[in-house]
Amino acid sequence: MNINELKQLLKDGKTNVLVLDNGEPVFVVVSYDQFKSMNMEKEIKVNHAPEIPRPEKQPLGEGELEILERINKDIQALKDELEKEEKMLDL
């Protein structure tokens, strides 16, 4: 295979050439654009913030407290109702 055939194969960027020595791979030939993109991927740096500030919890307002209390009462009423039904089934 001559160099022009290799160039033509590599031109589309979809073909790579593996060079073997005694059946063992020793080189991979890729297009220059593909080589540049491989190097660019290695150079990406990720900057992490030392600590992400957590938002402070807002105190609940009166309306929110009332809703929360009502929900808790409803939950307790449902639990009580389930207990009664379970006792009825056991009899």
N, C-alpha and C. Protein backbone atom coordinates (compact mmCIF):
# COMPACT_ATOMS: atom_id res chain seq x y z
N MET A 1 0.86 -1.17 0.00
CA MET A 1 0.00 0.00 0.00
C MET A 1 0.90 1.23 0.00
N ASN A 2 0.58 2.19 -0.86
CA ASN A 2 1.41 3.39 -0.90
C ASN A 2 0.80 4.50 -0.04
N ILE A 3 1.55 5.56 0.15
CA ILE A 3 1.15 6.65 1.04
C ILE A 3 -0.12 7.34 0.56
N ASN A 4 -0.33 7.44 -0.75
CA ASN A 4 -1.54 8.09 -1.27
C ASN A 4 -2.79 7.28 -0.92
N GLU A 5 -2.68 5.96 -0.94
CA GLU A 5 -3.81 5.12 -0.55
C GLU A 5 -4.13 5.32 0.93
N LEU A 6 -3.10 5.41 1.77
CA LEU A 6 -3.31 5.67 3.20
C LEU A 6 -3.97 7.02 3.41
N LYS A 7 -3.49 8.03 2.70
CA LYS A 7 -4.07 9.37 2.83
C LYS A 7 -5.55 9.34 2.46
N GLN A 8 -5.88 8.64 1.39
CA GLN A 8 -7.27 8.57 0.94
C GLN A 8 -8.14 7.88 1.98
N LEU A 9 -7.62 6.81 2.58
CA LEU A 9 -8.37 6.09 3.62
C LEU A 9 -8.63 6.97 4.84
N LEU A 10 -7.63 7.74 5.22
CA LEU A 10 -7.72 8.55 6.43
C LEU A 10 -8.48 9.85 6.22
N LYS A 11 -8.65 10.26 4.98
CA LYS A 11 -9.22 11.56 4.68
C LYS A 11 -10.64 11.74 5.23
N ASP A 12 -11.46 10.71 5.18
CA ASP A 12 -12.85 10.85 5.62
C ASP A 12 -12.97 10.94 7.14
N GLY A 13 -11.94 10.58 7.89
CA GLY A 13 -11.96 10.67 9.34
C GLY A 13 -12.64 9.49 10.02
N LYS A 14 -13.16 8.57 9.24
CA LYS A 14 -13.84 7.41 9.81
C LYS A 14 -12.96 6.17 9.85
N THR A 15 -11.83 6.22 9.17
CA THR A 15 -10.95 5.06 9.07
C THR A 15 -9.66 5.32 9.84
N ASN A 16 -9.22 4.33 10.59
CA ASN A 16 -7.92 4.36 11.25
C ASN A 16 -7.13 3.17 10.73
N VAL A 17 -5.81 3.28 10.76
CA VAL A 17 -4.96 2.20 10.26
C VAL A 17 -4.14 1.67 11.43
N LEU A 18 -4.17 0.36 11.61
CA LEU A 18 -3.41 -0.30 12.65
C LEU A 18 -2.19 -0.94 12.01
N VAL A 19 -0.99 -0.59 12.51
CA VAL A 19 0.26 -1.13 11.98
C VAL A 19 0.71 -2.26 12.90
N LEU A 20 0.92 -3.43 12.32
CA LEU A 20 1.30 -4.61 13.09
C LEU A 20 2.77 -4.96 12.86
N ASP A 21 3.40 -5.53 13.88
CA ASP A 21 4.76 -6.06 13.77
C ASP A 21 4.71 -7.47 14.36
N ASN A 22 4.92 -8.47 13.50
CA ASN A 22 4.81 -9.87 13.92
C ASN A 22 3.44 -10.17 14.53
N GLY A 23 2.40 -9.60 13.95
CA GLY A 23 1.04 -9.84 14.43
C GLY A 23 0.64 -9.05 15.64
N GLU A 24 1.52 -8.23 16.17
CA GLU A 24 1.23 -7.42 17.35
C GLU A 24 1.04 -5.96 16.94
N PRO A 25 0.02 -5.29 17.44
CA PRO A 25 -0.16 -3.87 17.10
C PRO A 25 0.94 -3.02 17.70
N VAL A 26 1.51 -2.13 16.88
CA VAL A 26 2.58 -1.24 17.36
C VAL A 26 2.24 0.23 17.14
N PHE A 27 1.44 0.54 16.12
CA PHE A 27 1.07 1.92 15.84
C PHE A 27 -0.39 1.99 15.40
N VAL A 28 -1.00 3.13 15.66
CA VAL A 28 -2.31 3.44 15.11
C VAL A 28 -2.17 4.74 14.36
N VAL A 29 -2.57 4.75 13.10
CA VAL A 29 -2.49 5.95 12.27
C VAL A 29 -3.90 6.53 12.18
N VAL A 30 -4.04 7.81 12.57
CA VAL A 30 -5.33 8.50 12.51
C VAL A 30 -5.14 9.81 11.78
N SER A 31 -6.23 10.41 11.35
CA SER A 31 -6.13 11.71 10.69
C SER A 31 -5.70 12.76 11.71
N TYR A 32 -5.13 13.86 11.22
CA TYR A 32 -4.65 14.91 12.12
C TYR A 32 -5.81 15.53 12.88
N ASP A 33 -6.94 15.73 12.22
CA ASP A 33 -8.11 16.30 12.91
C ASP A 33 -8.57 15.40 14.06
N GLN A 34 -8.57 14.10 13.81
CA GLN A 34 -8.96 13.16 14.85
C GLN A 34 -7.94 13.19 15.99
N PHE A 35 -6.68 13.27 15.66
CA PHE A 35 -5.62 13.36 16.66
C PHE A 35 -5.79 14.62 17.52
N LYS A 36 -6.06 15.76 16.86
CA LYS A 36 -6.27 17.01 17.60
C LYS A 36 -7.45 16.89 18.55
N SER A 37 -8.54 16.29 18.09
CA SER A 37 -9.72 16.17 18.95
C SER A 37 -9.44 15.26 20.14
N MET A 38 -8.61 14.23 19.97
CA MET A 38 -8.25 13.37 21.10
C MET A 38 -7.45 14.16 22.12
N ASN A 39 -6.54 15.01 21.67
CA ASN A 39 -5.75 15.82 22.60
C ASN A 39 -6.60 16.87 23.28
N MET A 40 -7.55 17.44 22.55
CA MET A 40 -8.41 18.47 23.14
C MET A 40 -9.24 17.87 24.27
N GLU A 41 -9.71 16.64 24.09
CA GLU A 41 -10.51 16.00 25.12
C GLU A 41 -9.71 15.82 26.40
N LYS A 42 -8.43 15.58 26.30
CA LYS A 42 -7.60 15.39 27.48
C LYS A 42 -7.36 16.69 28.22
N GLU A 43 -7.45 17.80 27.53
CA GLU A 43 -7.11 19.07 28.14
C GLU A 43 -8.28 19.75 28.83
N ILE A 44 -9.45 19.16 28.83
CA ILE A 44 -10.60 19.76 29.48
C ILE A 44 -10.39 19.70 30.99
N LYS A 45 -10.46 20.85 31.62
CA LYS A 45 -10.27 20.92 33.06
C LYS A 45 -11.62 21.23 33.71
N VAL A 46 -11.86 20.61 34.84
CA VAL A 46 -13.09 20.83 35.57
C VAL A 46 -12.73 21.58 36.84
N ASN A 47 -13.33 22.72 37.01
CA ASN A 47 -13.10 23.50 38.22
C ASN A 47 -14.25 23.24 39.18
N HIS A 48 -13.90 22.76 40.35
CA HIS A 48 -14.91 22.49 41.37
C HIS A 48 -14.87 23.61 42.40
N ALA A 49 -16.04 24.04 42.80
CA ALA A 49 -16.12 25.02 43.88
C ALA A 49 -15.68 24.32 45.16
N PRO A 50 -14.95 25.01 46.03
CA PRO A 50 -14.49 24.36 47.26
C PRO A 50 -15.65 23.84 48.10
N GLU A 51 -16.72 24.58 48.16
CA GLU A 51 -17.88 24.14 48.93
C GLU A 51 -19.11 24.82 48.35
N ILE A 52 -20.13 24.05 48.14
CA ILE A 52 -21.37 24.61 47.62
C ILE A 52 -22.20 25.10 48.79
N PRO A 53 -22.51 26.39 48.81
CA PRO A 53 -23.30 26.90 49.93
C PRO A 53 -24.72 26.32 49.89
N ARG A 54 -25.19 25.90 51.03
CA ARG A 54 -26.54 25.35 51.12
C ARG A 54 -27.49 26.47 51.54
N PRO A 55 -28.65 26.50 50.92
CA PRO A 55 -29.60 27.55 51.30
C PRO A 55 -30.07 27.34 52.73
N GLU A 56 -30.24 28.43 53.43
CA GLU A 56 -30.71 28.35 54.80
C GLU A 56 -32.20 28.03 54.80
N LYS A 57 -32.63 27.25 55.79
CA LYS A 57 -34.04 26.89 55.87
C LYS A 57 -34.83 28.10 56.35
N GLN A 58 -35.90 28.35 55.65
CA GLN A 58 -36.79 29.44 56.03
C GLN A 58 -37.73 28.94 57.12
N PRO A 59 -37.98 29.75 58.14
CA PRO A 59 -38.96 29.33 59.15
C PRO A 59 -40.35 29.26 58.51
N LEU A 60 -41.14 28.30 58.99
CA LEU A 60 -42.48 28.13 58.43
C LEU A 60 -43.38 29.27 58.88
N GLY A 61 -44.20 29.74 57.98
CA GLY A 61 -45.17 30.78 58.31
C GLY A 61 -46.38 30.16 59.00
N GLU A 62 -47.26 31.01 59.53
CA GLU A 62 -48.42 30.51 60.26
C GLU A 62 -49.32 29.66 59.38
N GLY A 63 -49.52 30.08 58.15
CA GLY A 63 -50.37 29.33 57.23
C GLY A 63 -49.79 27.96 56.93
N GLU A 64 -48.48 27.91 56.76
CA GLU A 64 -47.82 26.63 56.48
C GLU A 64 -47.91 25.70 57.68
N LEU A 65 -47.77 26.27 58.89
CA LEU A 65 -47.87 25.45 60.10
C LEU A 65 -49.27 24.86 60.24
N GLU A 66 -50.29 25.66 59.93
CA GLU A 66 -51.67 25.17 60.01
C GLU A 66 -51.89 24.02 59.03
N ILE A 67 -51.38 24.17 57.82
CA ILE A 67 -51.53 23.12 56.82
C ILE A 67 -50.82 21.85 57.28
N LEU A 68 -49.62 22.02 57.81
CA LEU A 68 -48.85 20.87 58.30
C LEU A 68 -49.57 20.16 59.44
N GLU A 69 -50.14 20.92 60.36
CA GLU A 69 -50.89 20.32 61.47
C GLU A 69 -52.11 19.57 60.96
N ARG A 70 -52.81 20.16 59.98
CA ARG A 70 -53.99 19.51 59.41
C ARG A 70 -53.61 18.19 58.73
N ILE A 71 -52.51 18.21 58.00
CA ILE A 71 -52.05 16.99 57.33
C ILE A 71 -51.70 15.92 58.36
N ASN A 72 -51.01 16.32 59.42
CA ASN A 72 -50.65 15.36 60.47
C ASN A 72 -51.89 14.77 61.14
N LYS A 73 -52.92 15.59 61.36
CA LYS A 73 -54.17 15.10 61.96
C LYS A 73 -54.85 14.12 61.01
N ASP A 74 -54.86 14.44 59.72
CA ASP A 74 -55.46 13.54 58.73
C ASP A 74 -54.73 12.20 58.71
N ILE A 75 -53.42 12.25 58.77
CA ILE A 75 -52.62 11.02 58.78
C ILE A 75 -52.95 10.18 60.02
N GLN A 76 -53.04 10.84 61.16
CA GLN A 76 -53.35 10.12 62.40
C GLN A 76 -54.75 9.52 62.33
N ALA A 77 -55.70 10.27 61.77
CA ALA A 77 -57.07 9.75 61.65
C ALA A 77 -57.09 8.51 60.74
N LEU A 78 -56.34 8.54 59.66
CA LEU A 78 -56.27 7.38 58.76
C LEU A 78 -55.64 6.18 59.46
N LYS A 79 -54.60 6.43 60.25
CA LYS A 79 -53.96 5.34 60.99
C LYS A 79 -54.94 4.71 61.98
N ASP A 80 -55.68 5.57 62.69
CA ASP A 80 -56.66 5.08 63.66
C ASP A 80 -57.74 4.25 62.96
N GLU A 81 -58.19 4.72 61.81
CA GLU A 81 -59.22 4.02 61.05
C GLU A 81 -58.71 2.65 60.59
N LEU A 82 -57.46 2.60 60.14
CA LEU A 82 -56.87 1.32 59.73
C LEU A 82 -56.78 0.34 60.90
N GLU A 83 -56.41 0.84 62.06
CA GLU A 83 -56.32 -0.02 63.25
C GLU A 83 -57.68 -0.61 63.59
N LYS A 84 -58.74 0.23 63.51
CA LYS A 84 -60.09 -0.25 63.81
C LYS A 84 -60.50 -1.34 62.82
N GLU A 85 -60.21 -1.11 61.53
CA GLU A 85 -60.57 -2.09 60.51
C GLU A 85 -59.80 -3.40 60.71
N GLU A 86 -58.53 -3.31 61.10
CA GLU A 86 -57.74 -4.51 61.34
C GLU A 86 -58.30 -5.30 62.53
N LYS A 87 -58.73 -4.58 63.57
CA LYS A 87 -59.31 -5.25 64.74
C LYS A 87 -60.61 -5.94 64.37
N MET A 88 -61.41 -5.29 63.50
CA MET A 88 -62.68 -5.88 63.07
C MET A 88 -62.42 -7.16 62.28
N LEU A 89 -61.36 -7.18 61.48
CA LEU A 89 -61.05 -8.37 60.69
C LEU A 89 -60.56 -9.52 61.56
N ASP A 90 -59.90 -9.20 62.67
CA ASP A 90 -59.37 -10.23 63.56
C ASP A 90 -60.49 -10.91 64.34
N LEU A 91 -61.65 -10.26 64.51
CA LEU A 91 -62.75 -10.85 65.29
C LEU A 91 -63.46 -11.87 64.53
